[in-house]
Amino acid sequence: MDAFYVPDGSDPDLFHPTELTRGPWSPDAQHGGAPSALLGHVIERCEPRPEFRVVRVAVEFLGPVPLEPLRCEARVTRAEARVAQPGRSVELIEATLSSDRGPLLKANAWRMRRAEPELEVPTEVLPTGTRPGPATVTPSPEHSFPSNQPVGFHTGVEYRFIAGAFQTPGPAVCWIRLRYPIVAATELSPLERTLAAADFGNGVSSVLPWRRYVFINTDLTVTLHREPVGEWVCLDAVTYPERSGVGLAESRLFDEQGPIGRGTQTLLLGTR
C-alpha cells in the first residue's frame, strides 16, 4: 500500500480504497479525512484553470464511507464575473462521492481567479503569526492516535503535537503530514493535504473522554486565504461542546510560513 486510493484502470471516476483509509473505530468504514481529500483531488481536476485556485471547500457527510469502490465526480455548476475584469472571476464546483449504496459525501467548492498583477495590500494588514514548527517536536508514543486497528488512516499520517495530545482533553496545536499520496501515481496537492489534516480538528482538541463520549462531525468546511506550502499542516484547534448534544470544532490552519485559513466542523455529541 503506497496510496490511500487506487484509480480504476477503465473508469476514471472510480477509485478503490486501500486499508490506509480505514477509520479508527470500525474495520469497515473510512476515516473522514481520506474521502474529503479525494473530493479535493477531483475538484482540482475539474476543468482546471492555472489562473484560478480553490479557496473554500464545504464537505457534507451523508453517511459512513465503506471500504468499497467509490465513484467520485465533480462539475462546474456556476461561473461569474464578480469584478471589473474580462471573463469569469469565480466558479462554483459541486462534487459527489458515492458507492453502490448511494451518495456518501457531497461538497461545494469556490474557485477564484488570482489577481494579476498582485494587489498592493499594506503589509500591516496581512495575516501574521506562526507556530513552532514540526522539527521542534520529538515524536512520542503518547501522541499516537488511539485505535485498535493495526492499519488505517492513522498509520498513514504523521503527527507532531506542540500542545495537547489525542487523549489529553482540551485545545491542541498539532502538525500533520500525510505519508502517502491520496491517489496512487499522483503528487499530493496542498488542498489534499489540508482537507485531510483539517478533519482531525475534533480529534486533536477533544474535551470529552473518548471512552465515554462520541463527537462525530457531520461536515467539514475549509477556507484558505493562502495556498499552503510544504508537507506539514498545523491545526491550532479548539472544541466547543454544549449539553444539547451539539458541538463545534474550530481550527486555525498554518503552514511553516504562517496562517493559511480556517477549518470548522459541526459535531454530534453523545454517550457510547
C-alpha atoms as a PDB file:
ATOM      1  CA  MET A   1       0.000   0.000   0.000  1.00  0.00           C
ATOM      2  CA  ASP A   2       1.623   3.222  -1.181  1.00  0.00           C
ATOM      3  CA  ALA A   3      -1.536   5.354  -1.503  1.00  0.00           C
ATOM      4  CA  PHE A   4      -4.935   5.833   0.106  1.00  0.00           C
ATOM      5  CA  TYR A   5      -6.817   5.171  -3.150  1.00  0.00           C
ATOM      6  CA  VAL A   6      -6.041   3.360  -6.383  1.00  0.00           C
ATOM      7  CA  PRO A   7      -7.739   4.629  -9.561  1.00  0.00           C
ATOM      8  CA  ASP A   8      -9.697   2.139 -11.595  1.00  0.00           C
ATOM      9  CA  GLY A   9      -7.968   1.162 -14.809  1.00  0.00           C
ATOM     10  CA  SER A  10     -11.050   1.501 -17.011  1.00  0.00           C
ATOM     11  CA  ASP A  11     -13.274   4.079 -15.287  1.00  0.00           C
ATOM     12  CA  PRO A  12     -11.655   7.476 -14.479  1.00  0.00           C
ATOM     13  CA  ASP A  13     -14.327   8.313 -11.893  1.00  0.00           C
ATOM     14  CA  LEU A  14     -13.920   5.076  -9.919  1.00  0.00           C
ATOM     15  CA  PHE A  15     -11.451   4.727  -7.030  1.00  0.00           C
ATOM     16  CA  HIS A  16     -10.574   1.691  -4.912  1.00  0.00           C
ATOM     17  CA  PRO A  17      -9.733   2.436  -1.244  1.00  0.00           C
ATOM     18  CA  THR A  18      -6.798   0.722   0.402  1.00  0.00           C
ATOM     19  CA  GLU A  19      -6.646  -0.257   4.064  1.00  0.00           C
ATOM     20  CA  LEU A  20      -4.938   3.083   4.753  1.00  0.00           C
ATOM     21  CA  THR A  21      -8.347   4.792   4.522  1.00  0.00           C
ATOM     22  CA  ARG A  22      -9.808   2.761   7.411  1.00  0.00           C
ATOM     23  CA  GLY A  23     -11.132   4.761  10.367  1.00  0.00           C
ATOM     24  CA  PRO A  24     -10.113   4.152  13.983  1.00  0.00           C
ATOM     25  CA  TRP A  25     -13.352   2.664  15.313  1.00  0.00           C
ATOM     26  CA  SER A  26     -14.763   0.347  12.638  1.00  0.00           C
ATOM     27  CA  PRO A  27     -12.831  -2.027  10.368  1.00  0.00           C
ATOM     28  CA  ASP A  28     -15.459  -1.478   7.667  1.00  0.00           C
ATOM     29  CA  ALA A  29     -15.611   2.335   7.469  1.00  0.00           C
ATOM     30  CA  GLN A  30     -13.199   5.037   6.337  1.00  0.00           C
ATOM     31  CA  HIS A  31     -11.822   7.988   8.273  1.00  0.00           C
ATOM     32  CA  GLY A  32     -13.463  11.216   7.096  1.00  0.00           C
ATOM     33  CA  GLY A  33     -10.159  12.825   6.148  1.00  0.00           C
ATOM     34  CA  ALA A  34      -9.455  10.351   3.353  1.00  0.00           C
ATOM     35  CA  PRO A  35     -12.657  10.789   1.273  1.00  0.00           C
ATOM     36  CA  SER A  36     -12.610  14.549   1.948  1.00  0.00           C
ATOM     37  CA  ALA A  37      -9.167  14.717   0.373  1.00  0.00           C
ATOM     38  CA  LEU A  38     -10.371  12.515  -2.512  1.00  0.00           C
ATOM     39  CA  LEU A  39     -13.117  15.065  -3.188  1.00  0.00           C
ATOM     40  CA  GLY A  40     -10.409  17.729  -3.226  1.00  0.00           C
ATOM     41  CA  HIS A  41      -8.480  15.604  -5.737  1.00  0.00           C
ATOM     42  CA  VAL A  42     -11.334  15.536  -8.255  1.00  0.00           C
ATOM     43  CA  ILE A  43     -12.326  19.167  -7.603  1.00  0.00           C
ATOM     44  CA  GLU A  44      -8.852  20.351  -8.589  1.00  0.00           C
ATOM     45  CA  ARG A  45      -9.004  18.301 -11.784  1.00  0.00           C
ATOM     46  CA  CYS A  46     -12.420  19.567 -12.837  1.00  0.00           C
ATOM     47  CA  GLU A  47     -11.892  21.788 -15.905  1.00  0.00           C
ATOM     48  CA  PRO A  48      -8.608  23.021 -14.389  1.00  0.00           C
ATOM     49  CA  ARG A  49      -7.541  26.637 -14.909  1.00  0.00           C
ATOM     50  CA  PRO A  50      -3.998  27.650 -13.890  1.00  0.00           C
ATOM     51  CA  GLU A  51      -5.091  31.235 -13.204  1.00  0.00           C
ATOM     52  CA  PHE A  52      -7.622  30.022 -10.593  1.00  0.00           C
ATOM     53  CA  ARG A  53      -7.255  28.344  -7.206  1.00  0.00           C
ATOM     54  CA  VAL A  54      -9.693  26.630  -4.837  1.00  0.00           C
ATOM     55  CA  VAL A  55     -10.326  28.869  -1.821  1.00  0.00           C
ATOM     56  CA  ARG A  56     -13.101  27.059   0.052  1.00  0.00           C
ATOM     57  CA  VAL A  57     -14.433  23.511   0.260  1.00  0.00           C
ATOM     58  CA  ALA A  58     -17.524  22.554   2.277  1.00  0.00           C
ATOM     59  CA  VAL A  59     -18.000  18.791   2.689  1.00  0.00           C
ATOM     60  CA  GLU A  60     -21.229  17.230   3.939  1.00  0.00           C
ATOM     61  CA  PHE A  61     -21.022  13.689   5.372  1.00  0.00           C
ATOM     62  CA  LEU A  62     -24.193  11.865   4.411  1.00  0.00           C
ATOM     63  CA  GLY A  63     -23.241   8.542   5.976  1.00  0.00           C
ATOM     64  CA  PRO A  64     -20.344   6.174   6.778  1.00  0.00           C
ATOM     65  CA  VAL A  65     -17.972   5.568   3.881  1.00  0.00           C
ATOM     66  CA  PRO A  66     -17.378   1.832   3.357  1.00  0.00           C
ATOM     67  CA  LEU A  67     -14.133   0.285   2.180  1.00  0.00           C
ATOM     68  CA  GLU A  68     -15.659  -0.362  -1.214  1.00  0.00           C
ATOM     69  CA  PRO A  69     -15.135   1.073  -4.717  1.00  0.00           C
ATOM     70  CA  LEU A  70     -16.179   4.725  -4.774  1.00  0.00           C
ATOM     71  CA  ARG A  71     -17.396   6.935  -7.595  1.00  0.00           C
ATOM     72  CA  CYS A  72     -16.089  10.468  -7.222  1.00  0.00           C
ATOM     73  CA  GLU A  73     -17.213  13.124  -9.701  1.00  0.00           C
ATOM     74  CA  ALA A  74     -17.106  16.932  -9.961  1.00  0.00           C
ATOM     75  CA  ARG A  75     -18.584  19.562 -12.268  1.00  0.00           C
ATOM     76  CA  VAL A  76     -18.624  23.343 -12.587  1.00  0.00           C
ATOM     77  CA  THR A  77     -22.162  24.493 -11.833  1.00  0.00           C
ATOM     78  CA  ARG A  78     -21.764  28.275 -11.832  1.00  0.00           C
ATOM     79  CA  ALA A  79     -19.276  30.748 -13.266  1.00  0.00           C
ATOM     80  CA  GLU A  80     -19.493  34.511 -12.908  1.00  0.00           C
ATOM     81  CA  ALA A  81     -17.591  37.747 -13.266  1.00  0.00           C
ATOM     82  CA  ARG A  82     -17.590  39.495  -9.881  1.00  0.00           C
ATOM     83  CA  VAL A  83     -15.003  42.251 -10.514  1.00  0.00           C
ATOM     84  CA  ALA A  84     -14.207  44.609 -13.339  1.00  0.00           C
ATOM     85  CA  GLN A  85     -12.016  42.338 -15.441  1.00  0.00           C
ATOM     86  CA  PRO A  86     -12.683  40.340 -18.595  1.00  0.00           C
ATOM     87  CA  GLY A  87     -14.022  36.813 -18.252  1.00  0.00           C
ATOM     88  CA  ARG A  88     -15.202  34.906 -15.225  1.00  0.00           C
ATOM     89  CA  SER A  89     -13.666  35.520 -11.817  1.00  0.00           C
ATOM     90  CA  VAL A  90     -15.355  32.908  -9.597  1.00  0.00           C
ATOM     91  CA  GLU A  91     -16.568  29.363 -10.199  1.00  0.00           C
ATOM     92  CA  LEU A  92     -18.674  27.040  -8.059  1.00  0.00           C
ATOM     93  CA  ILE A  93     -17.814  23.353  -8.292  1.00  0.00           C
ATOM     94  CA  GLU A  94     -20.044  20.574  -6.995  1.00  0.00           C
ATOM     95  CA  ALA A  95     -18.570  17.165  -6.209  1.00  0.00           C
ATOM     96  CA  THR A  96     -20.122  13.918  -5.042  1.00  0.00           C
ATOM     97  CA  LEU A  97     -18.780  10.658  -3.684  1.00  0.00           C
ATOM     98  CA  SER A  98     -20.936   7.552  -3.808  1.00  0.00           C
ATOM     99  CA  SER A  99     -20.882   3.772  -3.729  1.00  0.00           C
ATOM    100  CA  ASP A 100     -23.384   1.117  -4.727  1.00  0.00           C
ATOM    101  CA  ARG A 101     -25.206   2.085  -1.515  1.00  0.00           C
ATOM    102  CA  GLY A 102     -25.840   5.607  -2.842  1.00  0.00           C
ATOM    103  CA  PRO A 103     -24.449   9.105  -2.103  1.00  0.00           C
ATOM    104  CA  LEU A 104     -21.994   9.261   0.806  1.00  0.00           C
ATOM    105  CA  LEU A 105     -20.399  12.723   0.660  1.00  0.00           C
ATOM    106  CA  LYS A 106     -21.059  15.881  -1.286  1.00  0.00           C
ATOM    107  CA  ALA A 107     -19.039  19.057  -1.499  1.00  0.00           C
ATOM    108  CA  ASN A 108     -19.276  22.598  -2.809  1.00  0.00           C
ATOM    109  CA  ALA A 109     -16.074  24.438  -3.665  1.00  0.00           C
ATOM    110  CA  TRP A 110     -15.399  28.021  -4.689  1.00  0.00           C
ATOM    111  CA  ARG A 111     -12.591  28.601  -7.158  1.00  0.00           C
ATOM    112  CA  MET A 112     -11.350  32.171  -7.666  1.00  0.00           C
ATOM    113  CA  ARG A 113      -9.152  33.899 -10.200  1.00  0.00           C
ATOM    114  CA  ARG A 114      -5.747  35.026  -8.931  1.00  0.00           C
ATOM    115  CA  ALA A 115      -5.150  38.770  -9.097  1.00  0.00           C
ATOM    116  CA  GLU A 116      -2.680  39.692 -11.855  1.00  0.00           C
ATOM    117  CA  PRO A 117      -0.760  41.747 -11.022  1.00  0.00           C
ATOM    118  CA  GLU A 118      -0.964  41.126  -7.294  1.00  0.00           C
ATOM    119  CA  LEU A 119      -2.851  43.707  -5.261  1.00  0.00           C
ATOM    120  CA  GLU A 120      -0.934  46.351  -3.320  1.00  0.00           C
ATOM    121  CA  VAL A 121      -2.194  45.280   0.116  1.00  0.00           C
ATOM    122  CA  PRO A 122      -0.407  47.020   3.029  1.00  0.00           C
ATOM    123  CA  THR A 123       1.904  44.647   4.893  1.00  0.00           C
ATOM    124  CA  GLU A 124       0.449  45.607   8.274  1.00  0.00           C
ATOM    125  CA  VAL A 125      -2.994  44.191   7.415  1.00  0.00           C
ATOM    126  CA  LEU A 126      -1.757  40.838   6.047  1.00  0.00           C
ATOM    127  CA  PRO A 127      -2.335  37.770   8.289  1.00  0.00           C
ATOM    128  CA  THR A 128       0.685  37.103  10.507  1.00  0.00           C
ATOM    129  CA  GLY A 129       1.809  34.688  13.200  1.00  0.00           C
ATOM    130  CA  THR A 130       3.491  31.306  13.254  1.00  0.00           C
ATOM    131  CA  ARG A 131       3.544  28.206  15.412  1.00  0.00           C
ATOM    132  CA  PRO A 132       6.668  26.272  16.463  1.00  0.00           C
ATOM    133  CA  GLY A 133       7.471  24.003  13.538  1.00  0.00           C
ATOM    134  CA  PRO A 134       7.249  20.194  13.411  1.00  0.00           C
ATOM    135  CA  ALA A 135      11.025  19.889  13.637  1.00  0.00           C
ATOM    136  CA  THR A 136      10.873  21.343  17.180  1.00  0.00           C
ATOM    137  CA  VAL A 137       8.939  18.297  18.429  1.00  0.00           C
ATOM    138  CA  THR A 138      10.265  14.797  19.071  1.00  0.00           C
ATOM    139  CA  PRO A 139       7.731  12.122  18.039  1.00  0.00           C
ATOM    140  CA  SER A 140       6.293  10.384  21.090  1.00  0.00           C
ATOM    141  CA  PRO A 141       4.151   7.233  21.508  1.00  0.00           C
ATOM    142  CA  GLU A 142       1.787   9.204  23.760  1.00  0.00           C
ATOM    143  CA  HIS A 143       0.862  11.310  20.734  1.00  0.00           C
ATOM    144  CA  SER A 144      -0.285   8.280  18.722  1.00  0.00           C
ATOM    145  CA  PHE A 145      -3.865   8.076  17.524  1.00  0.00           C
ATOM    146  CA  PRO A 146      -5.985   5.860  19.844  1.00  0.00           C
ATOM    147  CA  SER A 147      -7.149   2.920  17.746  1.00  0.00           C
ATOM    148  CA  ASN A 148      -7.205  -0.866  17.937  1.00  0.00           C
ATOM    149  CA  GLN A 149      -6.934  -1.113  14.144  1.00  0.00           C
ATOM    150  CA  PRO A 150      -3.383  -2.139  13.113  1.00  0.00           C
ATOM    151  CA  VAL A 151      -3.649  -0.389   9.732  1.00  0.00           C
ATOM    152  CA  GLY A 152      -5.742   2.640   8.885  1.00  0.00           C
ATOM    153  CA  PHE A 153      -5.736   6.348   8.164  1.00  0.00           C
ATOM    154  CA  HIS A 154      -3.993   6.908  11.499  1.00  0.00           C
ATOM    155  CA  THR A 155      -0.992   4.866  10.304  1.00  0.00           C
ATOM    156  CA  GLY A 156      -0.828   6.801   7.032  1.00  0.00           C
ATOM    157  CA  VAL A 157      -0.453  10.106   8.881  1.00  0.00           C
ATOM    158  CA  GLU A 158       2.384  11.553  10.972  1.00  0.00           C
ATOM    159  CA  TYR A 159       1.530  13.739  13.998  1.00  0.00           C
ATOM    160  CA  ARG A 160       3.666  16.235  15.915  1.00  0.00           C
ATOM    161  CA  PHE A 161       1.922  17.857  18.903  1.00  0.00           C
ATOM    162  CA  ILE A 162       3.180  21.261  20.035  1.00  0.00           C
ATOM    163  CA  ALA A 163       0.487  21.340  22.737  1.00  0.00           C
ATOM    164  CA  GLY A 164      -2.053  18.763  23.873  1.00  0.00           C
ATOM    165  CA  ALA A 165      -2.500  15.189  22.651  1.00  0.00           C
ATOM    166  CA  PHE A 166      -5.270  12.973  21.336  1.00  0.00           C
ATOM    167  CA  GLN A 167      -6.190  11.708  24.804  1.00  0.00           C
ATOM    168  CA  THR A 168      -5.399  14.928  26.680  1.00  0.00           C
ATOM    169  CA  PRO A 169      -8.679  16.899  26.862  1.00  0.00           C
ATOM    170  CA  GLY A 170      -8.646  20.481  25.683  1.00  0.00           C
ATOM    171  CA  PRO A 171      -7.258  22.714  22.915  1.00  0.00           C
ATOM    172  CA  ALA A 172      -4.290  21.440  20.942  1.00  0.00           C
ATOM    173  CA  VAL A 173      -1.680  22.531  18.435  1.00  0.00           C
ATOM    174  CA  CYS A 174      -0.710  19.679  16.135  1.00  0.00           C
ATOM    175  CA  TRP A 175       1.270  19.369  12.913  1.00  0.00           C
ATOM    176  CA  ILE A 176       0.019  16.724  10.471  1.00  0.00           C
ATOM    177  CA  ARG A 177       1.717  15.206   7.423  1.00  0.00           C
ATOM    178  CA  LEU A 178       0.379  12.569   5.033  1.00  0.00           C
ATOM    179  CA  ARG A 179       2.839   9.724   4.483  1.00  0.00           C
ATOM    180  CA  TYR A 180       1.324   8.683   1.138  1.00  0.00           C
ATOM    181  CA  PRO A 181      -0.439  10.264  -1.845  1.00  0.00           C
ATOM    182  CA  ILE A 182      -4.226  10.343  -1.780  1.00  0.00           C
ATOM    183  CA  VAL A 183      -4.400   8.718  -5.228  1.00  0.00           C
ATOM    184  CA  ALA A 184      -1.712   6.325  -6.415  1.00  0.00           C
ATOM    185  CA  ALA A 185       0.750   7.644  -9.020  1.00  0.00           C
ATOM    186  CA  THR A 186      -0.138  11.305  -8.288  1.00  0.00           C
ATOM    187  CA  GLU A 187       1.554  14.054  -6.299  1.00  0.00           C
ATOM    188  CA  LEU A 188      -0.063  15.275  -3.091  1.00  0.00           C
ATOM    189  CA  SER A 189      -1.515  18.748  -3.590  1.00  0.00           C
ATOM    190  CA  PRO A 190      -1.727  21.493  -0.940  1.00  0.00           C
ATOM    191  CA  LEU A 191      -5.536  21.217  -0.996  1.00  0.00           C
ATOM    192  CA  GLU A 192      -5.489  17.449  -0.465  1.00  0.00           C
ATOM    193  CA  ARG A 193      -3.062  17.794   2.450  1.00  0.00           C
ATOM    194  CA  THR A 194      -5.163  20.493   4.089  1.00  0.00           C
ATOM    195  CA  LEU A 195      -8.525  18.749   3.753  1.00  0.00           C
ATOM    196  CA  ALA A 196      -7.094  15.519   5.178  1.00  0.00           C
ATOM    197  CA  ALA A 197      -5.475  17.338   8.098  1.00  0.00           C
ATOM    198  CA  ALA A 198      -8.423  19.628   8.908  1.00  0.00           C
ATOM    199  CA  ASP A 199     -10.709  16.657   9.545  1.00  0.00           C
ATOM    200  CA  PHE A 200      -8.611  15.894  12.657  1.00  0.00           C
ATOM    201  CA  GLY A 201      -9.701  19.129  14.361  1.00  0.00           C
ATOM    202  CA  ASN A 202     -12.302  17.498  16.610  1.00  0.00           C
ATOM    203  CA  GLY A 203      -9.938  14.626  17.387  1.00  0.00           C
ATOM    204  CA  VAL A 204      -6.877  16.586  18.456  1.00  0.00           C
ATOM    205  CA  SER A 205      -8.910  19.061  20.545  1.00  0.00           C
ATOM    206  CA  SER A 206     -11.493  16.756  22.107  1.00  0.00           C
ATOM    207  CA  VAL A 207     -12.723  17.916  25.518  1.00  0.00           C
ATOM    208  CA  LEU A 208     -14.812  14.847  26.405  1.00  0.00           C
ATOM    209  CA  PRO A 209     -13.374  11.416  27.367  1.00  0.00           C
ATOM    210  CA  TRP A 210     -13.008   9.147  24.317  1.00  0.00           C
ATOM    211  CA  ARG A 211     -14.128   6.037  26.200  1.00  0.00           C
ATOM    212  CA  ARG A 212     -17.429   7.566  27.326  1.00  0.00           C
ATOM    213  CA  TYR A 213     -18.430  10.012  24.573  1.00  0.00           C
ATOM    214  CA  VAL A 214     -18.640  10.223  20.787  1.00  0.00           C
ATOM    215  CA  PHE A 215     -18.121  13.500  18.912  1.00  0.00           C
ATOM    216  CA  ILE A 216     -18.864  12.849  15.256  1.00  0.00           C
ATOM    217  CA  ASN A 217     -18.519  15.628  12.692  1.00  0.00           C
ATOM    218  CA  THR A 218     -21.348  15.906  10.170  1.00  0.00           C
ATOM    219  CA  ASP A 219     -19.415  18.304   7.951  1.00  0.00           C
ATOM    220  CA  LEU A 220     -16.044  19.900   7.259  1.00  0.00           C
ATOM    221  CA  THR A 221     -15.553  23.413   5.910  1.00  0.00           C
ATOM    222  CA  VAL A 222     -12.083  24.656   4.981  1.00  0.00           C
ATOM    223  CA  THR A 223     -11.432  28.222   3.814  1.00  0.00           C
ATOM    224  CA  LEU A 224      -7.945  29.113   2.573  1.00  0.00           C
ATOM    225  CA  HIS A 225      -6.844  32.727   2.206  1.00  0.00           C
ATOM    226  CA  ARG A 226      -3.406  31.491   1.096  1.00  0.00           C
ATOM    227  CA  GLU A 227      -2.276  28.360  -0.680  1.00  0.00           C
ATOM    228  CA  PRO A 228      -0.372  26.093   1.756  1.00  0.00           C
ATOM    229  CA  VAL A 229       3.330  25.456   1.242  1.00  0.00           C
ATOM    230  CA  GLY A 230       5.233  22.333   2.259  1.00  0.00           C
ATOM    231  CA  GLU A 231       4.328  18.876   3.553  1.00  0.00           C
ATOM    232  CA  TRP A 232       3.054  19.848   7.009  1.00  0.00           C
ATOM    233  CA  VAL A 233      -0.270  21.445   8.010  1.00  0.00           C
ATOM    234  CA  CYS A 234      -0.744  22.740  11.554  1.00  0.00           C
ATOM    235  CA  LEU A 235      -4.058  22.761  13.418  1.00  0.00           C
ATOM    236  CA  ASP A 236      -4.460  25.168  16.327  1.00  0.00           C
ATOM    237  CA  ALA A 237      -7.753  23.588  17.350  1.00  0.00           C
ATOM    238  CA  VAL A 238     -10.432  24.014  19.994  1.00  0.00           C
ATOM    239  CA  THR A 239     -13.752  22.222  20.589  1.00  0.00           C
ATOM    240  CA  TYR A 240     -16.867  23.931  21.975  1.00  0.00           C
ATOM    241  CA  PRO A 241     -19.386  21.381  23.393  1.00  0.00           C
ATOM    242  CA  GLU A 242     -22.945  22.043  24.538  1.00  0.00           C
ATOM    243  CA  ARG A 243     -25.199  19.950  26.796  1.00  0.00           C
ATOM    244  CA  SER A 244     -27.761  19.905  23.966  1.00  0.00           C
ATOM    245  CA  GLY A 245     -25.565  17.351  22.189  1.00  0.00           C
ATOM    246  CA  VAL A 246     -24.214  19.758  19.574  1.00  0.00           C
ATOM    247  CA  GLY A 247     -20.652  20.990  19.364  1.00  0.00           C
ATOM    248  CA  LEU A 248     -18.274  22.955  17.169  1.00  0.00           C
ATOM    249  CA  ALA A 249     -14.617  22.276  16.423  1.00  0.00           C
ATOM    250  CA  GLU A 250     -12.647  25.206  15.048  1.00  0.00           C
ATOM    251  CA  SER A 251      -9.091  25.015  13.722  1.00  0.00           C
ATOM    252  CA  ARG A 252      -6.798  27.846  12.765  1.00  0.00           C
ATOM    253  CA  LEU A 253      -4.654  26.427   9.975  1.00  0.00           C
ATOM    254  CA  PHE A 254      -0.950  27.127   9.431  1.00  0.00           C
ATOM    255  CA  ASP A 255       1.989  26.040   7.341  1.00  0.00           C
ATOM    256  CA  GLU A 256       5.576  26.707   8.371  1.00  0.00           C
ATOM    257  CA  GLN A 257       5.396  30.200   6.849  1.00  0.00           C
ATOM    258  CA  GLY A 258       2.305  31.341   8.767  1.00  0.00           C
ATOM    259  CA  PRO A 259      -1.515  31.278   8.734  1.00  0.00           C
ATOM    260  CA  ILE A 260      -3.329  29.809   5.728  1.00  0.00           C
ATOM    261  CA  GLY A 261      -7.010  29.666   6.756  1.00  0.00           C
ATOM    262  CA  ARG A 262      -9.648  28.104   8.989  1.00  0.00           C
ATOM    263  CA  GLY A 263     -11.434  24.780   9.339  1.00  0.00           C
ATOM    264  CA  THR A 264     -14.741  24.142  11.132  1.00  0.00           C
ATOM    265  CA  GLN A 265     -16.753  21.029  11.963  1.00  0.00           C
ATOM    266  CA  THR A 266     -20.262  20.688  13.348  1.00  0.00           C
ATOM    267  CA  LEU A 267     -20.301  17.908  15.944  1.00  0.00           C
ATOM    268  CA  LEU A 268     -22.900  15.418  17.073  1.00  0.00           C
ATOM    269  CA  LEU A 269     -22.162  14.643  20.723  1.00  0.00           C
ATOM    270  CA  GLY A 270     -23.416  11.572  22.596  1.00  0.00           C
ATOM    271  CA  THR A 271     -22.541   8.816  25.031  1.00  0.00           C
ATOM    272  CA  ARG A 272     -21.343   5.405  23.971  1.00  0.00           C
END
